[in-house]
Amino acid sequence: MRYNALSIAGTDPSGGAGIQADLKTFSALGVYGTTVMTALVAQNTCGVHSVYDLSPDFVAAQLDAVLSDVRIDSAKIGMLSNASIIDVVCDKLQQYPIPFVVLDTVMLAKSGDPLLQPDAIDKMFTQLLPRVDLITPNLPEAAALLGCDIATDETTMKQQGEALLHQGCQAVLMKGGHLSEKESPDWLLTQDGQWRFTSPRINTKNTHGTGCTLSAALAAIRPQVSDWQSCVKQAKAYLQQALEQADSLEVGQGFGPVHHFHRWW
């Protein structure tokens, strides 16, 4: 069986993040990719120059077009930009149930530029989290959702993950890349247990799109495995290899992309 995945996100003309990264990840992992754009983002490896939000009605029209026609086995949600688009996505997830939905709680670009309006954070927390299966916040994003300080250790990191889990999503993958440790620890928290995953830090500046790539990999892999633990293990292994090979690319003058097609070239 060939699986179909959907990316709901913004764009990246430089190809390292957003919908472009999601499609590359889906393809690399043997899944057919479909897309719904929420915003047109003029960005590159150095930063975000401009954001043009698509109208909520047009986002809804795209979702109807895809979901009324194509069997979608999993979805990844990335940049949503504003509260009105979050409302549309919530409505369509209720109208068209999707077996697995991964939410990458995108708030900032790698350069630090904002990708989610401040008034939309509460709506994401109260309305969208209960409608998805897995969320993948980094530590600043988790703190913003909860309205608390950024975790500086794994104990606090897990406590914040548990607080997000209680909001209603089925699973939380807390990403610990912001901790100052030799390894980058991630914690998967579900109603059934907690699992720790670690990866050696890769000495590269080419980390543009890592969050997009990981969440897209999770969406691509989840229909093919039996549980989130196996899914996270495989997705992290794919991202680790993409990071290890990132320096073989020569893209941009800032934070370059990871190498999505490292297995082939």
Protein backbone atom coordinates (compact mmCIF):
# COMPACT_ATOMS: atom_id res chain seq x y z
CA MET A 1 0.00 0.00 0.00
CA ARG A 2 1.29 3.47 -0.88
CA TYR A 3 0.39 6.04 1.76
CA ASN A 4 -0.71 9.61 1.13
CA ALA A 5 0.33 12.43 3.46
CA LEU A 6 -0.82 16.05 3.65
CA SER A 7 1.26 19.08 4.63
CA ILE A 8 -0.63 22.15 5.86
CA ALA A 9 2.01 24.86 6.14
CA GLY A 10 3.72 27.95 4.76
CA THR A 11 6.28 28.10 1.99
CA ASP A 12 10.05 28.51 1.81
CA PRO A 13 11.46 29.65 -1.55
CA SER A 14 14.95 28.50 -0.53
CA GLY A 15 13.58 24.95 -0.23
CA GLY A 16 14.84 24.02 3.21
CA ALA A 17 11.74 24.44 5.38
CA GLY A 18 7.97 24.65 5.14
CA ILE A 19 5.99 22.84 2.48
CA GLN A 20 9.04 22.38 0.29
CA ALA A 21 10.87 20.50 3.06
CA ASP A 22 7.76 18.48 3.84
CA LEU A 23 7.37 17.29 0.25
CA LYS A 24 11.04 16.32 0.09
CA THR A 25 10.70 14.39 3.35
CA PHE A 26 7.52 12.60 2.25
CA SER A 27 9.18 11.59 -1.02
CA ALA A 28 12.38 10.43 0.68
CA LEU A 29 10.34 8.19 2.97
CA GLY A 30 8.24 6.67 0.18
CA VAL A 31 5.01 8.55 0.83
CA TYR A 32 2.96 10.54 -1.71
CA GLY A 33 2.73 14.18 -0.64
CA THR A 34 -0.15 16.62 -0.96
CA THR A 35 -0.19 20.22 0.27
CA VAL A 36 -2.35 23.06 1.51
CA MET A 37 -0.64 26.44 1.76
CA THR A 38 -1.46 28.79 4.62
CA ALA A 39 1.02 31.57 3.89
CA LEU A 40 3.51 32.64 1.24
CA VAL A 41 6.77 33.36 3.01
CA ALA A 42 9.60 35.31 1.38
CA GLN A 43 12.50 33.75 3.26
CA ASN A 44 15.92 32.28 2.70
CA THR A 45 18.70 30.79 4.80
CA CYS A 46 19.38 34.19 6.39
CA GLY A 47 15.89 35.13 7.50
CA VAL A 48 12.28 36.01 6.74
CA HIS A 49 11.75 39.04 4.48
CA SER A 50 7.96 39.10 4.24
CA VAL A 51 4.86 37.01 4.97
CA TYR A 52 1.67 37.06 2.93
CA ASP A 53 -1.18 35.25 4.70
CA LEU A 54 -3.65 33.51 2.43
CA SER A 55 -7.29 34.19 3.22
CA PRO A 56 -9.02 31.71 5.55
CA ASP A 57 -11.60 31.05 2.82
CA PHE A 58 -8.89 30.07 0.34
CA VAL A 59 -7.21 27.81 2.92
CA ALA A 60 -10.59 26.17 3.46
CA ALA A 61 -11.07 25.76 -0.29
CA GLN A 62 -7.70 24.03 -0.60
CA LEU A 63 -8.52 21.68 2.28
CA ASP A 64 -11.90 20.82 0.76
CA ALA A 65 -10.30 20.18 -2.63
CA VAL A 66 -7.74 17.74 -1.26
CA LEU A 67 -9.71 16.04 1.49
CA SER A 68 -12.86 15.49 -0.57
CA ASP A 69 -10.87 13.68 -3.25
CA VAL A 70 -7.68 12.08 -1.87
CA ARG A 71 -7.47 9.45 0.85
CA ILE A 72 -5.17 11.09 3.40
CA ASP A 73 -3.49 8.64 5.76
CA SER A 74 -1.65 11.24 7.85
CA ALA A 75 -1.15 14.97 8.05
CA LYS A 76 1.52 17.33 9.24
CA ILE A 77 0.49 20.84 10.29
CA GLY A 78 3.16 23.51 10.29
CA MET A 79 2.93 27.29 10.01
CA LEU A 80 -0.63 28.53 10.53
CA SER A 81 0.23 32.22 10.94
CA ASN A 82 -2.97 33.53 12.52
CA ALA A 83 -6.04 32.67 14.58
CA SER A 84 -8.47 32.68 11.64
CA ILE A 85 -6.50 30.02 9.80
CA ILE A 86 -6.37 27.92 12.99
CA ASP A 87 -10.18 28.12 13.13
CA VAL A 88 -10.42 26.83 9.56
CA VAL A 89 -8.03 23.94 10.19
CA CYS A 90 -9.93 22.93 13.34
CA ASP A 91 -13.23 22.90 11.43
CA LYS A 92 -11.82 20.81 8.57
CA LEU A 93 -10.18 18.28 10.91
CA GLN A 94 -13.61 17.72 12.39
CA GLN A 95 -15.27 17.52 8.98
CA TYR A 96 -12.65 15.18 7.47
CA PRO A 97 -11.18 12.84 10.10
CA ILE A 98 -7.53 11.95 9.37
CA PRO A 99 -6.05 8.87 11.07
CA PHE A 100 -2.86 10.59 12.28
CA VAL A 101 -2.25 14.33 12.65
CA VAL A 102 1.13 15.75 13.70
CA LEU A 103 1.26 19.39 14.79
CA ASP A 104 4.58 21.19 14.58
CA THR A 105 3.90 24.17 16.84
CA VAL A 106 5.71 26.63 14.58
CA MET A 107 6.17 30.07 16.11
CA LEU A 108 9.62 31.24 15.03
CA ALA A 109 11.83 30.67 12.01
CA LYS A 110 15.39 29.40 12.54
CA SER A 111 16.49 33.03 12.16
CA GLY A 112 14.22 34.09 15.04
CA ASP A 113 11.62 35.79 12.84
CA PRO A 114 8.00 35.30 14.04
CA LEU A 115 5.77 32.90 12.08
CA LEU A 116 2.71 32.91 14.38
CA GLN A 117 0.85 36.00 15.52
CA PRO A 118 0.79 36.36 19.34
CA ASP A 119 -3.01 36.30 19.59
CA ALA A 120 -3.06 32.90 17.84
CA ILE A 121 -1.02 31.09 20.50
CA ASP A 122 -3.95 30.73 22.90
CA LYS A 123 -6.22 29.45 20.12
CA MET A 124 -3.61 26.86 19.16
CA PHE A 125 -3.43 25.74 22.79
CA THR A 126 -7.16 25.58 23.52
CA GLN A 127 -8.68 24.65 20.15
CA LEU A 128 -6.13 22.84 18.01
CA LEU A 129 -4.15 20.72 20.49
CA PRO A 130 -7.19 18.58 21.44
CA ARG A 131 -7.76 17.78 17.74
CA VAL A 132 -4.32 16.38 16.92
CA ASP A 133 -2.51 13.15 17.74
CA LEU A 134 1.05 14.37 18.35
CA ILE A 135 2.61 17.78 18.92
CA THR A 136 6.34 18.47 18.54
CA PRO A 137 7.24 21.64 20.49
CA ASN A 138 10.77 22.77 21.18
CA LEU A 139 11.37 24.25 24.62
CA PRO A 140 10.58 27.91 23.78
CA GLU A 141 7.38 26.85 22.00
CA ALA A 142 6.26 24.70 24.93
CA ALA A 143 6.86 27.62 27.30
CA ALA A 144 4.89 29.99 25.05
CA LEU A 145 1.94 27.59 24.89
CA LEU A 146 1.91 27.12 28.66
CA GLY A 147 2.74 30.72 29.56
CA CYS A 148 5.73 29.72 31.69
CA ASP A 149 9.52 29.91 31.77
CA ILE A 150 11.58 27.94 29.25
CA ALA A 151 12.73 24.58 30.66
CA THR A 152 16.44 24.38 31.42
CA ASP A 153 16.59 20.70 32.45
CA GLU A 154 14.96 17.42 31.52
CA THR A 155 12.82 17.25 34.67
CA THR A 156 11.10 20.54 33.88
CA MET A 157 10.96 19.58 30.23
CA LYS A 158 8.97 16.44 31.07
CA GLN A 159 6.69 18.34 33.44
CA GLN A 160 5.83 20.78 30.69
CA GLY A 161 5.24 17.89 28.30
CA GLU A 162 2.79 16.37 30.78
CA ALA A 163 0.96 19.69 31.06
CA LEU A 164 0.59 19.80 27.28
CA LEU A 165 -0.57 16.18 27.21
CA HIS A 166 -3.33 17.03 29.67
CA GLN A 167 -4.62 19.59 27.17
CA GLY A 168 -6.05 16.73 25.14
CA CYS A 169 -3.63 15.61 22.43
CA GLN A 170 -2.70 11.94 22.45
CA ALA A 171 1.06 12.38 22.51
CA VAL A 172 3.74 15.04 23.00
CA LEU A 173 7.29 14.95 21.65
CA MET A 174 9.29 17.48 23.66
CA LYS A 175 12.40 18.45 21.69
CA GLY A 176 15.41 19.21 23.87
CA GLY A 177 17.72 20.74 21.32
CA HIS A 178 17.86 23.99 23.33
CA LEU A 179 19.37 22.24 26.36
CA SER A 180 23.13 22.65 26.72
CA GLU A 181 24.08 18.99 26.71
CA LYS A 182 26.41 16.91 24.53
CA GLU A 183 23.42 14.93 23.35
CA SER A 184 20.08 16.31 22.26
CA PRO A 185 17.42 14.60 24.42
CA ASP A 186 13.81 14.32 23.29
CA TRP A 187 10.96 12.96 25.41
CA LEU A 188 7.89 11.23 24.00
CA LEU A 189 4.98 11.37 26.43
CA THR A 190 1.72 9.50 25.91
CA GLN A 191 -1.09 8.26 28.14
CA ASP A 192 0.70 4.89 28.21
CA GLY A 193 4.20 5.97 29.19
CA GLN A 194 7.29 8.10 28.61
CA TRP A 195 10.29 7.37 26.40
CA ARG A 196 13.63 9.16 26.12
CA PHE A 197 15.44 9.49 22.79
CA THR A 198 18.90 10.96 22.33
CA SER A 199 21.05 11.88 19.36
CA PRO A 200 24.63 13.17 19.26
CA ARG A 201 24.80 16.84 18.36
CA ILE A 202 26.05 17.43 14.83
CA ASN A 203 28.61 20.21 14.42
CA THR A 204 26.94 22.03 11.52
CA LYS A 205 25.26 25.38 10.97
CA ASN A 206 23.04 23.79 8.32
CA THR A 207 19.98 23.18 10.49
CA HIS A 208 17.38 25.17 8.54
CA GLY A 209 14.11 23.23 8.48
CA THR A 210 14.94 20.60 11.09
CA GLY A 211 11.60 21.00 12.87
CA CYS A 212 9.64 20.86 9.62
CA THR A 213 11.59 17.82 8.48
CA LEU A 214 11.12 15.92 11.74
CA SER A 215 7.37 16.53 11.92
CA ALA A 216 6.95 15.60 8.25
CA ALA A 217 8.94 12.42 8.83
CA LEU A 218 6.71 11.55 11.78
CA ALA A 219 3.61 12.02 9.63
CA ALA A 220 5.10 9.95 6.81
CA ILE A 221 6.18 7.06 9.02
CA ARG A 222 3.27 6.78 11.48
CA PRO A 223 0.83 4.93 9.16
CA GLN A 224 3.57 2.39 8.46
CA VAL A 225 4.30 1.42 12.10
CA SER A 226 2.31 0.27 15.10
CA ASP A 227 3.06 2.98 17.67
CA TRP A 228 4.53 6.42 18.25
CA GLN A 229 7.70 5.02 19.85
CA SER A 230 8.70 3.21 16.67
CA CYS A 231 7.69 6.22 14.62
CA VAL A 232 9.85 8.64 16.62
CA LYS A 233 12.85 6.29 16.50
CA GLN A 234 12.72 6.01 12.71
CA ALA A 235 11.99 9.71 12.14
CA LYS A 236 14.88 10.79 14.33
CA ALA A 237 17.22 8.38 12.55
CA TYR A 238 16.24 9.90 9.19
CA LEU A 239 16.77 13.45 10.47
CA GLN A 240 20.10 12.55 12.06
CA GLN A 241 21.42 11.27 8.74
CA ALA A 242 20.08 14.34 6.96
CA LEU A 243 21.97 16.53 9.44
CA GLU A 244 25.15 14.47 9.16
CA GLN A 245 25.14 15.02 5.38
CA ALA A 246 24.00 18.66 5.48
CA ASP A 247 27.47 20.08 4.89
CA SER A 248 27.66 18.31 1.53
CA LEU A 249 25.13 20.86 0.25
CA GLU A 250 26.02 24.42 -0.72
CA VAL A 251 22.77 26.36 -0.27
CA GLY A 252 22.71 29.94 0.95
CA GLN A 253 24.86 32.10 3.17
CA GLY A 254 23.05 31.56 6.47
CA PHE A 255 21.59 28.48 8.12
CA GLY A 256 21.61 26.01 5.24
CA PRO A 257 19.13 23.13 4.87
CA VAL A 258 19.51 19.53 5.94
CA HIS A 259 20.08 16.96 3.16
CA HIS A 260 16.66 15.37 2.63
CA PHE A 261 17.88 13.08 -0.15
CA HIS A 262 21.09 11.91 1.53
CA ARG A 263 20.31 8.28 0.63
CA TRP A 264 20.51 8.99 -3.10
CA TRP A 265 22.96 11.88 -3.66
